[in-house]
PDB file of all heavy atoms in Angstrom:
ATOM      1  N   ILE A   1       0.862  -1.192   0.000  1.00  0.00           N
ATOM      2  CA  ILE A   1       0.000   0.000   0.000  1.00  0.00           C
ATOM      3  C   ILE A   1       0.893   1.235   0.000  1.00  0.00           C
ATOM      4  O   ILE A   1       1.558   1.539   0.988  1.00  0.00           O
ATOM      5  CB  ILE A   1      -0.939   0.010   1.222  1.00  0.00           C
ATOM      6  CG1 ILE A   1      -1.821  -1.241   1.226  1.00  0.00           C
ATOM      7  CG2 ILE A   1      -1.808   1.260   1.213  1.00  0.00           C
ATOM      8  CD1 ILE A   1      -2.748  -1.342   2.421  1.00  0.00           C
ATOM      9  N   ASN A   2       0.908   1.924  -1.127  1.00  0.00           N
ATOM     10  CA  ASN A   2       1.801   3.073  -1.304  1.00  0.00           C
ATOM     11  C   ASN A   2       1.094   4.415  -1.152  1.00  0.00           C
ATOM     12  O   ASN A   2       1.705   5.464  -1.374  1.00  0.00           O
ATOM     13  CB  ASN A   2       2.481   3.006  -2.676  1.00  0.00           C
ATOM     14  CG  ASN A   2       3.309   1.743  -2.843  1.00  0.00           C
ATOM     15  OD1 ASN A   2       4.025   1.358  -1.917  1.00  0.00           O
ATOM     16  ND2 ASN A   2       3.193   1.101  -3.994  1.00  0.00           N
ATOM     17  N   GLU A   3      -0.179   4.372  -0.827  1.00  0.00           N
ATOM     18  CA  GLU A   3      -0.942   5.606  -0.664  1.00  0.00           C
ATOM     19  C   GLU A   3      -1.994   5.408   0.409  1.00  0.00           C
ATOM     20  O   GLU A   3      -2.359   4.282   0.750  1.00  0.00           O
ATOM     21  CB  GLU A   3      -1.599   6.007  -1.991  1.00  0.00           C
ATOM     22  CG  GLU A   3      -2.493   4.927  -2.578  1.00  0.00           C
ATOM     23  CD  GLU A   3      -2.967   5.269  -3.975  1.00  0.00           C
ATOM     24  OE1 GLU A   3      -3.575   6.342  -4.124  1.00  0.00           O
ATOM     25  OE2 GLU A   3      -2.718   4.483  -4.901  1.00  0.00           O
ATOM     26  N   GLU A   4      -2.480   6.498   0.933  1.00  0.00           N
ATOM     27  CA  GLU A   4      -3.482   6.428   2.000  1.00  0.00           C
ATOM     28  C   GLU A   4      -4.876   6.490   1.400  1.00  0.00           C
ATOM     29  O   GLU A   4      -5.216   7.429   0.676  1.00  0.00           O
ATOM     30  CB  GLU A   4      -3.277   7.579   2.991  1.00  0.00           C
ATOM     31  CG  GLU A   4      -4.122   7.432   4.239  1.00  0.00           C
ATOM     32  CD  GLU A   4      -3.745   8.431   5.316  1.00  0.00           C
ATOM     33  OE1 GLU A   4      -2.563   8.842   5.360  1.00  0.00           O
ATOM     34  OE2 GLU A   4      -4.638   8.805   6.086  1.00  0.00           O
ATOM     35  N   LEU A   5      -5.662   5.478   1.676  1.00  0.00           N
ATOM     36  CA  LEU A   5      -7.039   5.417   1.184  1.00  0.00           C
ATOM     37  C   LEU A   5      -7.984   5.349   2.372  1.00  0.00           C
ATOM     38  O   LEU A   5      -7.815   4.488   3.254  1.00  0.00           O
ATOM     39  CB  LEU A   5      -7.231   4.194   0.275  1.00  0.00           C
ATOM     40  CG  LEU A   5      -6.428   4.187  -1.023  1.00  0.00           C
ATOM     41  CD1 LEU A   5      -6.495   2.815  -1.683  1.00  0.00           C
ATOM     42  CD2 LEU A   5      -6.957   5.246  -1.982  1.00  0.00           C
ATOM     43  N   GLU A   6      -8.964   6.237   2.387  1.00  0.00           N
ATOM     44  CA  GLU A   6      -9.883   6.307   3.526  1.00  0.00           C
ATOM     45  C   GLU A   6     -10.730   5.049   3.685  1.00  0.00           C
ATOM     46  O   GLU A   6     -11.179   4.740   4.795  1.00  0.00           O
ATOM     47  CB  GLU A   6     -10.790   7.534   3.379  1.00  0.00           C
ATOM     48  CG  GLU A   6     -10.059   8.867   3.523  1.00  0.00           C
ATOM     49  CD  GLU A   6     -11.018  10.040   3.451  1.00  0.00           C
ATOM     50  OE1 GLU A   6     -12.225   9.805   3.196  1.00  0.00           O
ATOM     51  OE2 GLU A   6     -10.568  11.186   3.656  1.00  0.00           O
ATOM     52  N   ASN A   7     -10.973   4.340   2.583  1.00  0.00           N
ATOM     53  CA  ASN A   7     -11.867   3.182   2.650  1.00  0.00           C
ATOM     54  C   ASN A   7     -11.113   1.846   2.624  1.00  0.00           C
ATOM     55  O   ASN A   7     -11.652   0.826   2.180  1.00  0.00           O
ATOM     56  CB  ASN A   7     -12.924   3.230   1.552  1.00  0.00           C
ATOM     57  CG  ASN A   7     -12.338   3.338   0.159  1.00  0.00           C
ATOM     58  OD1 ASN A   7     -11.190   3.749  -0.020  1.00  0.00           O
ATOM     59  ND2 ASN A   7     -13.126   2.977  -0.846  1.00  0.00           N
ATOM     60  N   ILE A   8      -9.866   1.842   3.078  1.00  0.00           N
ATOM     61  CA  ILE A   8      -9.132   0.598   3.319  1.00  0.00           C
ATOM     62  C   ILE A   8      -8.616   0.619   4.755  1.00  0.00           C
ATOM     63  O   ILE A   8      -7.976   1.580   5.184  1.00  0.00           O
ATOM     64  CB  ILE A   8      -7.966   0.407   2.333  1.00  0.00           C
ATOM     65  CG1 ILE A   8      -8.497  -0.055   0.978  1.00  0.00           C
ATOM     66  CG2 ILE A   8      -6.981  -0.645   2.871  1.00  0.00           C
ATOM     67  CD1 ILE A   8      -7.433  -0.515   0.005  1.00  0.00           C
ATOM     68  N   GLU A   9      -8.933  -0.444   5.494  1.00  0.00           N
ATOM     69  CA  GLU A   9      -8.475  -0.588   6.870  1.00  0.00           C
ATOM     70  C   GLU A   9      -7.701  -1.893   7.003  1.00  0.00           C
ATOM     71  O   GLU A   9      -7.892  -2.823   6.217  1.00  0.00           O
ATOM     72  CB  GLU A   9      -9.672  -0.593   7.830  1.00  0.00           C
ATOM     73  CG  GLU A   9     -10.508   0.680   7.779  1.00  0.00           C
ATOM     74  CD  GLU A   9     -11.760   0.594   8.646  1.00  0.00           C
ATOM     75  OE1 GLU A   9     -11.909  -0.424   9.368  1.00  0.00           O
ATOM     76  OE2 GLU A   9     -12.587   1.522   8.596  1.00  0.00           O
ATOM     77  N   ILE A  10      -6.827  -1.954   7.982  1.00  0.00           N
ATOM     78  CA  ILE A  10      -6.035  -3.157   8.244  1.00  0.00           C
ATOM     79  C   ILE A  10      -6.261  -3.604   9.680  1.00  0.00           C
ATOM     80  O   ILE A  10      -6.199  -2.797  10.604  1.00  0.00           O
ATOM     81  CB  ILE A  10      -4.529  -2.911   8.009  1.00  0.00           C
ATOM     82  CG1 ILE A  10      -4.261  -2.458   6.571  1.00  0.00           C
ATOM     83  CG2 ILE A  10      -3.719  -4.175   8.325  1.00  0.00           C
ATOM     84  CD1 ILE A  10      -2.820  -2.059   6.317  1.00  0.00           C
ATOM     85  N   VAL A  11      -6.545  -4.891   9.848  1.00  0.00           N
ATOM     86  CA  VAL A  11      -6.633  -5.491  11.179  1.00  0.00           C
ATOM     87  C   VAL A  11      -5.542  -6.549  11.265  1.00  0.00           C
ATOM     88  O   VAL A  11      -5.551  -7.531  10.514  1.00  0.00           O
ATOM     89  CB  VAL A  11      -8.024  -6.121  11.429  1.00  0.00           C
ATOM     90  CG1 VAL A  11      -8.037  -6.829  12.784  1.00  0.00           C
ATOM     91  CG2 VAL A  11      -9.118  -5.068  11.364  1.00  0.00           C
ATOM     92  N   HIS A  12      -4.604  -6.349  12.161  1.00  0.00           N
ATOM     93  CA  HIS A  12      -3.465  -7.265  12.271  1.00  0.00           C
ATOM     94  C   HIS A  12      -3.889  -8.603  12.868  1.00  0.00           C
ATOM     95  O   HIS A  12      -4.642  -8.664  13.847  1.00  0.00           O
ATOM     96  CB  HIS A  12      -2.370  -6.644  13.140  1.00  0.00           C
ATOM     97  CG  HIS A  12      -1.209  -7.571  13.360  1.00  0.00           C
ATOM     98  ND1 HIS A  12      -0.289  -7.849  12.377  1.00  0.00           N
ATOM     99  CD2 HIS A  12      -0.842  -8.299  14.454  1.00  0.00           C
ATOM    100  CE1 HIS A  12       0.601  -8.698  12.858  1.00  0.00           C
ATOM    101  NE2 HIS A  12       0.285  -8.987  14.114  1.00  0.00           N
ATOM    102  N   THR A  13      -3.394  -9.685  12.263  1.00  0.00           N
ATOM    103  CA  THR A  13      -3.605 -11.032  12.793  1.00  0.00           C
ATOM    104  C   THR A  13      -2.263 -11.759  12.819  1.00  0.00           C
ATOM    105  O   THR A  13      -1.412 -11.532  11.966  1.00  0.00           O
ATOM    106  CB  THR A  13      -4.602 -11.836  11.936  1.00  0.00           C
ATOM    107  OG1 THR A  13      -4.043 -12.047  10.633  1.00  0.00           O
ATOM    108  CG2 THR A  13      -5.924 -11.102  11.800  1.00  0.00           C
ATOM    109  N   ASP A  14      -2.098 -12.650  13.770  1.00  0.00           N
ATOM    110  CA  ASP A  14      -0.819 -13.355  13.936  1.00  0.00           C
ATOM    111  C   ASP A  14      -0.763 -14.700  13.214  1.00  0.00           C
ATOM    112  O   ASP A  14       0.313 -15.237  12.981  1.00  0.00           O
ATOM    113  CB  ASP A  14      -0.531 -13.579  15.425  1.00  0.00           C
ATOM    114  CG  ASP A  14      -0.285 -12.273  16.162  1.00  0.00           C
ATOM    115  OD1 ASP A  14       0.468 -11.436  15.636  1.00  0.00           O
ATOM    116  OD2 ASP A  14      -0.860 -12.080  17.251  1.00  0.00           O
ATOM    117  N   GLU A  15      -1.924 -15.241  12.856  1.00  0.00           N
ATOM    118  CA  GLU A  15      -1.957 -16.578  12.254  1.00  0.00           C
ATOM    119  C   GLU A  15      -2.641 -16.552  10.902  1.00  0.00           C
ATOM    120  O   GLU A  15      -3.354 -15.611  10.559  1.00  0.00           O
ATOM    121  CB  GLU A  15      -2.712 -17.545  13.171  1.00  0.00           C
ATOM    122  CG  GLU A  15      -2.074 -17.791  14.513  1.00  0.00           C
ATOM    123  CD  GLU A  15      -2.908 -18.741  15.354  1.00  0.00           C
ATOM    124  OE1 GLU A  15      -4.024 -18.358  15.750  1.00  0.00           O
ATOM    125  OE2 GLU A  15      -2.445 -19.876  15.590  1.00  0.00           O
ATOM    126  N   LYS A  16      -2.431 -17.626  10.138  1.00  0.00           N
ATOM    127  CA  LYS A  16      -3.150 -17.831   8.879  1.00  0.00           C
ATOM    128  C   LYS A  16      -3.464 -19.309   8.734  1.00  0.00           C
ATOM    129  O   LYS A  16      -2.767 -20.164   9.292  1.00  0.00           O
ATOM    130  CB  LYS A  16      -2.330 -17.340   7.690  1.00  0.00           C
ATOM    131  CG  LYS A  16      -1.047 -18.089   7.444  1.00  0.00           C
ATOM    132  CD  LYS A  16      -0.383 -17.677   6.121  1.00  0.00           C
ATOM    133  CE  LYS A  16      -1.122 -18.235   4.928  1.00  0.00           C
ATOM    134  NZ  LYS A  16      -0.422 -18.041   3.653  1.00  0.00           N
ATOM    135  N   ILE A  17      -4.523 -19.600   8.010  1.00  0.00           N
ATOM    136  CA  ILE A  17      -4.888 -20.984   7.740  1.00  0.00           C
ATOM    137  C   ILE A  17      -4.211 -21.404   6.447  1.00  0.00           C
ATOM    138  O   ILE A  17      -4.406 -20.772   5.400  1.00  0.00           O
ATOM    139  CB  ILE A  17      -6.414 -21.143   7.660  1.00  0.00           C
ATOM    140  CG1 ILE A  17      -7.033 -20.876   9.040  1.00  0.00           C
ATOM    141  CG2 ILE A  17      -6.795 -22.531   7.168  1.00  0.00           C
ATOM    142  CD1 ILE A  17      -8.547 -20.942   9.064  1.00  0.00           C
ATOM    143  N   GLU A  18      -3.427 -22.465   6.504  1.00  0.00           N
ATOM    144  CA  GLU A  18      -2.697 -22.956   5.340  1.00  0.00           C
ATOM    145  C   GLU A  18      -3.607 -23.817   4.465  1.00  0.00           C
ATOM    146  O   GLU A  18      -4.629 -24.332   4.933  1.00  0.00           O
ATOM    147  CB  GLU A  18      -1.481 -23.767   5.778  1.00  0.00           C
ATOM    148  CG  GLU A  18      -0.544 -23.045   6.741  1.00  0.00           C
ATOM    149  CD  GLU A  18       0.222 -21.910   6.077  1.00  0.00           C
ATOM    150  OE1 GLU A  18       0.219 -21.816   4.843  1.00  0.00           O
ATOM    151  OE2 GLU A  18       0.840 -21.110   6.811  1.00  0.00           O
ATOM    152  N   SER A  19      -3.193 -23.995   3.220  1.00  0.00           N
ATOM    153  CA  SER A  19      -4.009 -24.763   2.276  1.00  0.00           C
ATOM    154  C   SER A  19      -4.150 -26.223   2.691  1.00  0.00           C
ATOM    155  O   SER A  19      -5.154 -26.870   2.394  1.00  0.00           O
ATOM    156  CB  SER A  19      -3.407 -24.675   0.871  1.00  0.00           C
ATOM    157  OG  SER A  19      -2.082 -25.185   0.867  1.00  0.00           O
ATOM    158  N   GLU A  20      -3.134 -26.756   3.398  1.00  0.00           N
ATOM    159  CA  GLU A  20      -3.173 -28.162   3.790  1.00  0.00           C
ATOM    160  C   GLU A  20      -3.819 -28.387   5.149  1.00  0.00           C
ATOM    161  O   GLU A  20      -3.974 -29.524   5.593  1.00  0.00           O
ATOM    162  CB  GLU A  20      -1.754 -28.750   3.795  1.00  0.00           C
ATOM    163  CG  GLU A  20      -0.821 -28.155   4.842  1.00  0.00           C
ATOM    164  CD  GLU A  20      -0.091 -26.921   4.377  1.00  0.00           C
ATOM    165  OE1 GLU A  20      -0.466 -26.374   3.308  1.00  0.00           O
ATOM    166  OE2 GLU A  20       0.860 -26.497   5.066  1.00  0.00           O
ATOM    167  N   ASP A  21      -4.224 -27.332   5.837  1.00  0.00           N
ATOM    168  CA  ASP A  21      -4.828 -27.472   7.166  1.00  0.00           C
ATOM    169  C   ASP A  21      -6.191 -28.152   7.098  1.00  0.00           C
ATOM    170  O   ASP A  21      -6.952 -27.963   6.131  1.00  0.00           O
ATOM    171  CB  ASP A  21      -5.006 -26.093   7.820  1.00  0.00           C
ATOM    172  CG  ASP A  21      -3.703 -25.530   8.361  1.00  0.00           C
ATOM    173  OD1 ASP A  21      -2.712 -26.287   8.437  1.00  0.00           O
ATOM    174  OD2 ASP A  21      -3.679 -24.335   8.696  1.00  0.00           O
ATOM    175  N   ASP A  22      -6.499 -28.928   8.110  1.00  0.00           N
ATOM    176  CA  ASP A  22      -7.835 -29.517   8.224  1.00  0.00           C
ATOM    177  C   ASP A  22      -8.844 -28.391   8.452  1.00  0.00           C
ATOM    178  O   ASP A  22      -8.662 -27.567   9.358  1.00  0.00           O
ATOM    179  CB  ASP A  22      -7.881 -30.486   9.407  1.00  0.00           C
ATOM    180  CG  ASP A  22      -9.265 -31.059   9.617  1.00  0.00           C
ATOM    181  OD1 ASP A  22      -9.603 -32.032   8.922  1.00  0.00           O
ATOM    182  OD2 ASP A  22     -10.015 -30.516  10.454  1.00  0.00           O
ATOM    183  N   PRO A  23      -9.899 -28.315   7.644  1.00  0.00           N
ATOM    184  CA  PRO A  23     -10.820 -27.167   7.686  1.00  0.00           C
ATOM    185  C   PRO A  23     -11.430 -26.886   9.057  1.00  0.00           C
ATOM    186  O   PRO A  23     -11.268 -25.784   9.594  1.00  0.00           O
ATOM    187  CB  PRO A  23     -11.898 -27.542   6.664  1.00  0.00           C
ATOM    188  CG  PRO A  23     -11.201 -28.430   5.699  1.00  0.00           C
ATOM    189  CD  PRO A  23     -10.227 -29.219   6.521  1.00  0.00           C
ATOM    190  N   VAL A  24     -12.132 -27.846   9.624  1.00  0.00           N
ATOM    191  CA  VAL A  24     -12.843 -27.602  10.879  1.00  0.00           C
ATOM    192  C   VAL A  24     -11.867 -27.440  12.038  1.00  0.00           C
ATOM    193  O   VAL A  24     -12.003 -26.534  12.866  1.00  0.00           O
ATOM    194  CB  VAL A  24     -13.846 -28.736  11.169  1.00  0.00           C
ATOM    195  CG1 VAL A  24     -14.500 -28.535  12.536  1.00  0.00           C
ATOM    196  CG2 VAL A  24     -14.909 -28.799  10.075  1.00  0.00           C
ATOM    197  N   ARG A  25     -10.867 -28.305  12.096  1.00  0.00           N
ATOM    198  CA  ARG A  25      -9.887 -28.222  13.177  1.00  0.00           C
ATOM    199  C   ARG A  25      -9.141 -26.889  13.161  1.00  0.00           C
ATOM    200  O   ARG A  25      -8.874 -26.300  14.218  1.00  0.00           O
ATOM    201  CB  ARG A  25      -8.906 -29.382  13.061  1.00  0.00           C
ATOM    202  CG  ARG A  25      -7.943 -29.517  14.249  1.00  0.00           C
ATOM    203  CD  ARG A  25      -7.076 -30.738  14.087  1.00  0.00           C
ATOM    204  NE  ARG A  25      -7.888 -31.945  13.973  1.00  0.00           N
ATOM    205  CZ  ARG A  25      -7.404 -33.123  13.578  1.00  0.00           C
ATOM    206  NH1 ARG A  25      -6.137 -33.244  13.252  1.00  0.00           N
ATOM    207  NH2 ARG A  25      -8.197 -34.176  13.513  1.00  0.00           N
ATOM    208  N   SER A  26      -8.816 -26.403  11.968  1.00  0.00           N
ATOM    209  CA  SER A  26      -8.031 -25.170  11.867  1.00  0.00           C
ATOM    210  C   SER A  26      -8.801 -23.951  12.358  1.00  0.00           C
ATOM    211  O   SER A  26      -8.237 -23.094  13.039  1.00  0.00           O
ATOM    212  CB  SER A  26      -7.563 -24.950  10.423  1.00  0.00           C
ATOM    213  OG  SER A  26      -8.667 -24.783   9.548  1.00  0.00           O
ATOM    214  N   ILE A  27     -10.095 -23.875  12.044  1.00  0.00           N
ATOM    215  CA  ILE A  27     -10.840 -22.690  12.491  1.00  0.00           C
ATOM    216  C   ILE A  27     -11.121 -22.729  13.984  1.00  0.00           C
ATOM    217  O   ILE A  27     -11.354 -21.690  14.607  1.00  0.00           O
ATOM    218  CB  ILE A  27     -12.156 -22.496  11.697  1.00  0.00           C
ATOM    219  CG1 ILE A  27     -13.162 -23.598  12.031  1.00  0.00           C
ATOM    220  CG2 ILE A  27     -11.890 -22.409  10.206  1.00  0.00           C
ATOM    221  CD1 ILE A  27     -14.557 -23.290  11.531  1.00  0.00           C
ATOM    222  N   ARG A  28     -11.071 -23.920  14.575  1.00  0.00           N
ATOM    223  CA  ARG A  28     -11.279 -24.038  16.019  1.00  0.00           C
ATOM    224  C   ARG A  28      -9.994 -23.799  16.803  1.00  0.00           C
ATOM    225  O   ARG A  28     -10.031 -23.292  17.925  1.00  0.00           O
ATOM    226  CB  ARG A  28     -11.855 -25.418  16.342  1.00  0.00           C
ATOM    227  CG  ARG A  28     -13.319 -25.543  15.931  1.00  0.00           C
ATOM    228  CD  ARG A  28     -13.858 -26.922  16.190  1.00  0.00           C
ATOM    229  NE  ARG A  28     -15.296 -26.976  15.910  1.00  0.00           N
ATOM    230  CZ  ARG A  28     -16.000 -28.107  15.800  1.00  0.00           C
ATOM    231  NH1 ARG A  28     -15.397 -29.277  15.936  1.00  0.00           N
ATOM    232  NH2 ARG A  28     -17.292 -28.072  15.546  1.00  0.00           N
ATOM    233  N   ARG A  29      -8.864 -24.158  16.207  1.00  0.00           N
ATOM    234  CA  ARG A  29      -7.594 -24.030  16.915  1.00  0.00           C
ATOM    235  C   ARG A  29      -6.896 -22.701  16.632  1.00  0.00           C
ATOM    236  O   ARG A  29      -6.199 -22.174  17.500  1.00  0.00           O
ATOM    237  CB  ARG A  29      -6.673 -25.197  16.538  1.00  0.00           C
ATOM    238  CG  ARG A  29      -7.155 -26.546  17.075  1.00  0.00           C
ATOM    239  CD  ARG A  29      -6.160 -27.645  16.780  1.00  0.00           C
ATOM    240  NE  ARG A  29      -6.559 -28.912  17.398  1.00  0.00           N
ATOM    241  CZ  ARG A  29      -5.864 -30.042  17.291  1.00  0.00           C
ATOM    242  NH1 ARG A  29      -4.733 -30.070  16.592  1.00  0.00           N
ATOM    243  NH2 ARG A  29      -6.282 -31.145  17.876  1.00  0.00           N
ATOM    244  N   LYS A  30      -7.058 -22.198  15.424  1.00  0.00           N
ATOM    245  CA  LYS A  30      -6.372 -20.952  15.053  1.00  0.00           C
ATOM    246  C   LYS A  30      -7.336 -19.772  15.202  1.00  0.00           C
ATOM    247  O   LYS A  30      -7.816 -19.194  14.225  1.00  0.00           O
ATOM    248  CB  LYS A  30      -5.832 -21.046  13.628  1.00  0.00           C
ATOM    249  CG  LYS A  30      -4.718 -22.073  13.464  1.00  0.00           C
ATOM    250  CD  LYS A  30      -4.117 -22.038  12.055  1.00  0.00           C
ATOM    251  CE  LYS A  30      -2.921 -22.956  11.925  1.00  0.00           C
ATOM    252  NZ  LYS A  30      -2.303 -22.894  10.571  1.00  0.00           N
ATOM    253  N   LYS A  31      -7.611 -19.429  16.444  1.00  0.00           N
ATOM    254  CA  LYS A  31      -8.584 -18.372  16.730  1.00  0.00           C
ATOM    255  C   LYS A  31      -8.146 -17.009  16.190  1.00  0.00           C
ATOM    256  O   LYS A  31      -8.975 -16.146  15.920  1.00  0.00           O
ATOM    257  CB  LYS A  31      -8.805 -18.273  18.243  1.00  0.00           C
ATOM    258  CG  LYS A  31      -9.290 -19.554  18.895  1.00  0.00           C
ATOM    259  CD  LYS A  31     -10.705 -19.892  18.519  1.00  0.00           C
ATOM    260  CE  LYS A  31     -11.225 -21.073  19.335  1.00  0.00           C
ATOM    261  NZ  LYS A  31     -12.602 -21.447  18.931  1.00  0.00           N
ATOM    262  N   GLN A  32      -6.818 -16.804  16.045  1.00  0.00           N
ATOM    263  CA  GLN A  32      -6.306 -15.519  15.597  1.00  0.00           C
ATOM    264  C   GLN A  32      -5.944 -15.528  14.110  1.00  0.00           C
ATOM    265  O   GLN A  32      -5.256 -14.622  13.634  1.00  0.00           O
ATOM    266  CB  GLN A  32      -5.069 -15.141  16.427  1.00  0.00           C
ATOM    267  CG  GLN A  32      -5.350 -15.019  17.916  1.00  0.00           C
ATOM    268  CD  GLN A  32      -6.432 -14.001  18.217  1.00  0.00           C
ATOM    269  OE1 GLN A  32      -6.379 -12.870  17.732  1.00  0.00           O
ATOM    270  NE2 GLN A  32      -7.417 -14.379  19.027  1.00  0.00           N
ATOM    271  N   ALA A  33      -6.387 -16.540  13.380  1.00  0.00           N
ATOM    272  CA  ALA A  33      -6.119 -16.597  11.938  1.00  0.00           C
ATOM    273  C   ALA A  33      -6.914 -15.522  11.212  1.00  0.00           C
ATOM    274  O   ALA A  33      -8.020 -15.147  11.626  1.00  0.00           O
ATOM    275  CB  ALA A  33      -6.466 -17.980  11.393  1.00  0.00           C
ATOM    276  N   SER A  34      -6.361 -15.032  10.117  1.00  0.00           N
ATOM    277  CA  SER A  34      -6.990 -13.942   9.366  1.00  0.00           C
ATOM    278  C   SER A  34      -8.404 -14.308   8.911  1.00  0.00           C
ATOM    279  O   SER A  34      -9.331 -13.497   9.016  1.00  0.00           O
ATOM    280  CB  SER A  34      -6.122 -13.564   8.159  1.00  0.00           C
ATOM    281  OG  SER A  34      -5.800 -14.713   7.381  1.00  0.00           O
ATOM    282  N   MET A  35      -8.595 -15.524   8.417  1.00  0.00           N
ATOM    283  CA  MET A  35      -9.916 -15.938   7.956  1.00  0.00           C
ATOM    284  C   MET A  35     -10.911 -16.014   9.099  1.00  0.00           C
ATOM    285  O   MET A  35     -12.064 -15.562   8.983  1.00  0.00           O
ATOM    286  CB  MET A  35      -9.849 -17.299   7.245  1.00  0.00           C
ATOM    287  CG  MET A  35     -11.169 -17.765   6.662  1.00  0.00           C
ATOM    288  SD  MET A  35     -11.109 -19.457   6.044  1.00  0.00           S
ATOM    289  CE  MET A  35      -9.956 -19.325   4.690  1.00  0.00           C
ATOM    290  N   VAL A  36     -10.476 -16.566  10.211  1.00  0.00           N
ATOM    291  CA  VAL A  36     -11.361 -16.738  11.364  1.00  0.00           C
ATOM    292  C   VAL A  36     -11.765 -15.389  11.943  1.00  0.00           C
ATOM    293  O   VAL A  36     -12.945 -15.151  12.242  1.00  0.00           O
ATOM    294  CB  VAL A  36     -10.676 -17.603  12.437  1.00  0.00           C
ATOM    295  CG1 VAL A  36     -11.530 -17.673  13.701  1.00  0.00           C
ATOM    296  CG2 VAL A  36     -10.419 -19.010  11.900  1.00  0.00           C
ATOM    297  N   MET A  37     -10.815 -14.491  12.092  1.00  0.00           N
ATOM    298  CA  MET A  37     -11.128 -13.173  12.644  1.00  0.00           C
ATOM    299  C   MET A  37     -12.024 -12.373  11.706  1.00  0.00           C
ATOM    300  O   MET A  37     -12.919 -11.654  12.143  1.00  0.00           O
ATOM    301  CB  MET A  37      -9.837 -12.409  12.939  1.00  0.00           C
ATOM    302  CG  MET A  37      -9.068 -12.986  14.118  1.00  0.00           C
ATOM    303  SD  MET A  37      -7.594 -12.030  14.546  1.00  0.00           S
ATOM    304  CE  MET A  37      -8.331 -10.479  15.100  1.00  0.00           C
ATOM    305  N   ALA A  38     -11.807 -12.528  10.393  1.00  0.00           N
ATOM    306  CA  ALA A  38     -12.666 -11.849   9.415  1.00  0.00           C
ATOM    307  C   ALA A  38     -14.088 -12.393   9.490  1.00  0.00           C
ATOM    308  O   ALA A  38     -15.071 -11.633   9.462  1.00  0.00           O
ATOM    309  CB  ALA A  38     -12.095 -12.020   8.012  1.00  0.00           C
ATOM    310  N   ALA A  39     -14.220 -13.717   9.612  1.00  0.00           N
ATOM    311  CA  ALA A  39     -15.549 -14.333   9.724  1.00  0.00           C
ATOM    312  C   ALA A  39     -16.254 -13.889  10.997  1.00  0.00           C
ATOM    313  O   ALA A  39     -17.454 -13.595  10.996  1.00  0.00           O
ATOM    314  CB  ALA A  39     -15.414 -15.857   9.683  1.00  0.00           C
ATOM    315  N   ARG A  40     -15.496 -13.829  12.095  1.00  0.00           N
ATOM    316  CA  ARG A  40     -16.090 -13.418  13.364  1.00  0.00           C
ATOM    317  C   ARG A  40     -16.586 -11.968  13.295  1.00  0.00           C
ATOM    318  O   ARG A  40     -17.618 -11.618  13.873  1.00  0.00           O
ATOM    319  CB  ARG A  40     -15.074 -13.583  14.499  1.00  0.00           C
ATOM    320  CG  ARG A  40     -15.705 -13.491  15.891  1.00  0.00           C
ATOM    321  CD  ARG A  40     -14.686 -13.703  16.987  1.00  0.00           C
ATOM    322  NE  ARG A  40     -14.058 -15.003  16.876  1.00  0.00           N
ATOM    323  CZ  ARG A  40     -12.745 -15.200  16.765  1.00  0.00           C
ATOM    324  NH1 ARG A  40     -11.922 -14.175  16.759  1.00  0.00           N
ATOM    325  NH2 ARG A  40     -12.262 -16.409  16.677  1.00  0.00           N
ATOM    326  N   SER A  41     -15.868 -11.126  12.566  1.00  0.00           N
ATOM    327  CA  SER A  41     -16.286  -9.725  12.438  1.00  0.00           C
ATOM    328  C   SER A  41     -17.617  -9.612  11.699  1.00  0.00           C
ATOM    329  O   SER A  41     -18.410  -8.710  11.964  1.00  0.00           O
ATOM    330  CB  SER A  41     -15.211  -8.916  11.703  1.00  0.00           C
ATOM    331  OG  SER A  41     -15.201  -9.184  10.308  1.00  0.00           O
ATOM    332  N   VAL A  42     -17.863 -10.543  10.768  1.00  0.00           N
ATOM    333  CA  VAL A  42     -19.143 -10.545  10.053  1.00  0.00           C
ATOM    334  C   VAL A  42     -20.254 -11.048  10.964  1.00  0.00           C
ATOM    335  O   VAL A  42     -21.358 -10.497  10.974  1.00  0.00           O
ATOM    336  CB  VAL A  42     -19.042 -11.406   8.770  1.00  0.00           C
ATOM    337  CG1 VAL A  42     -20.404 -11.504   8.080  1.00  0.00           C
ATOM    338  CG2 VAL A  42     -18.003 -10.818   7.810  1.00  0.00           C
ATOM    339  N   LYS A  43     -19.958 -12.096  11.723  1.00  0.00           N
ATOM    340  CA  LYS A  43     -20.954 -12.615  12.673  1.00  0.00           C
ATOM    341  C   LYS A  43     -21.369 -11.527  13.657  1.00  0.00           C
ATOM    342  O   LYS A  43     -22.560 -11.398  14.001  1.00  0.00           O
ATOM    343  CB  LYS A  43     -20.395 -13.818  13.439  1.00  0.00           C
ATOM    344  CG  LYS A  43     -21.340 -14.351  14.502  1.00  0.00           C
ATOM    345  CD  LYS A  43     -20.739 -15.525  15.241  1.00  0.00           C
ATOM    346  CE  LYS A  43     -21.648 -15.983  16.386  1.00  0.00           C
ATOM    347  NZ  LYS A  43     -23.008 -16.343  15.955  1.00  0.00           N
ATOM    348  N   GLU A  44     -20.403 -10.744  14.109  1.00  0.00           N
ATOM    349  CA  GLU A  44     -20.669  -9.691  15.093  1.00  0.00           C
ATOM    350  C   GLU A  44     -21.145  -8.397  14.440  1.00  0.00           C
ATOM    351  O   GLU A  44     -21.281  -7.375  15.119  1.00  0.00           O
ATOM    352  CB  GLU A  44     -19.399  -9.448  15.913  1.00  0.00           C
ATOM    353  CG  GLU A  44     -19.013 -10.655  16.761  1.00  0.00           C
ATOM    354  CD  GLU A  44     -17.653 -10.513  17.418  1.00  0.00           C
ATOM    355  OE1 GLU A  44     -16.972  -9.486  17.161  1.00  0.00           O
ATOM    356  OE2 GLU A  44     -17.261 -11.419  18.185  1.00  0.00           O
TER     357      GLU A  44
END
């Protein structure tokens, strides 16, 4: 990101779900994964 855009925000996450991860187990164990936190923000 080389410029400031008012309609782009960043939420830092420490984990990510890998392509080889077990789907259900990964979302339950990786609470701080980018996908999980994004999904939780929609639920809330």
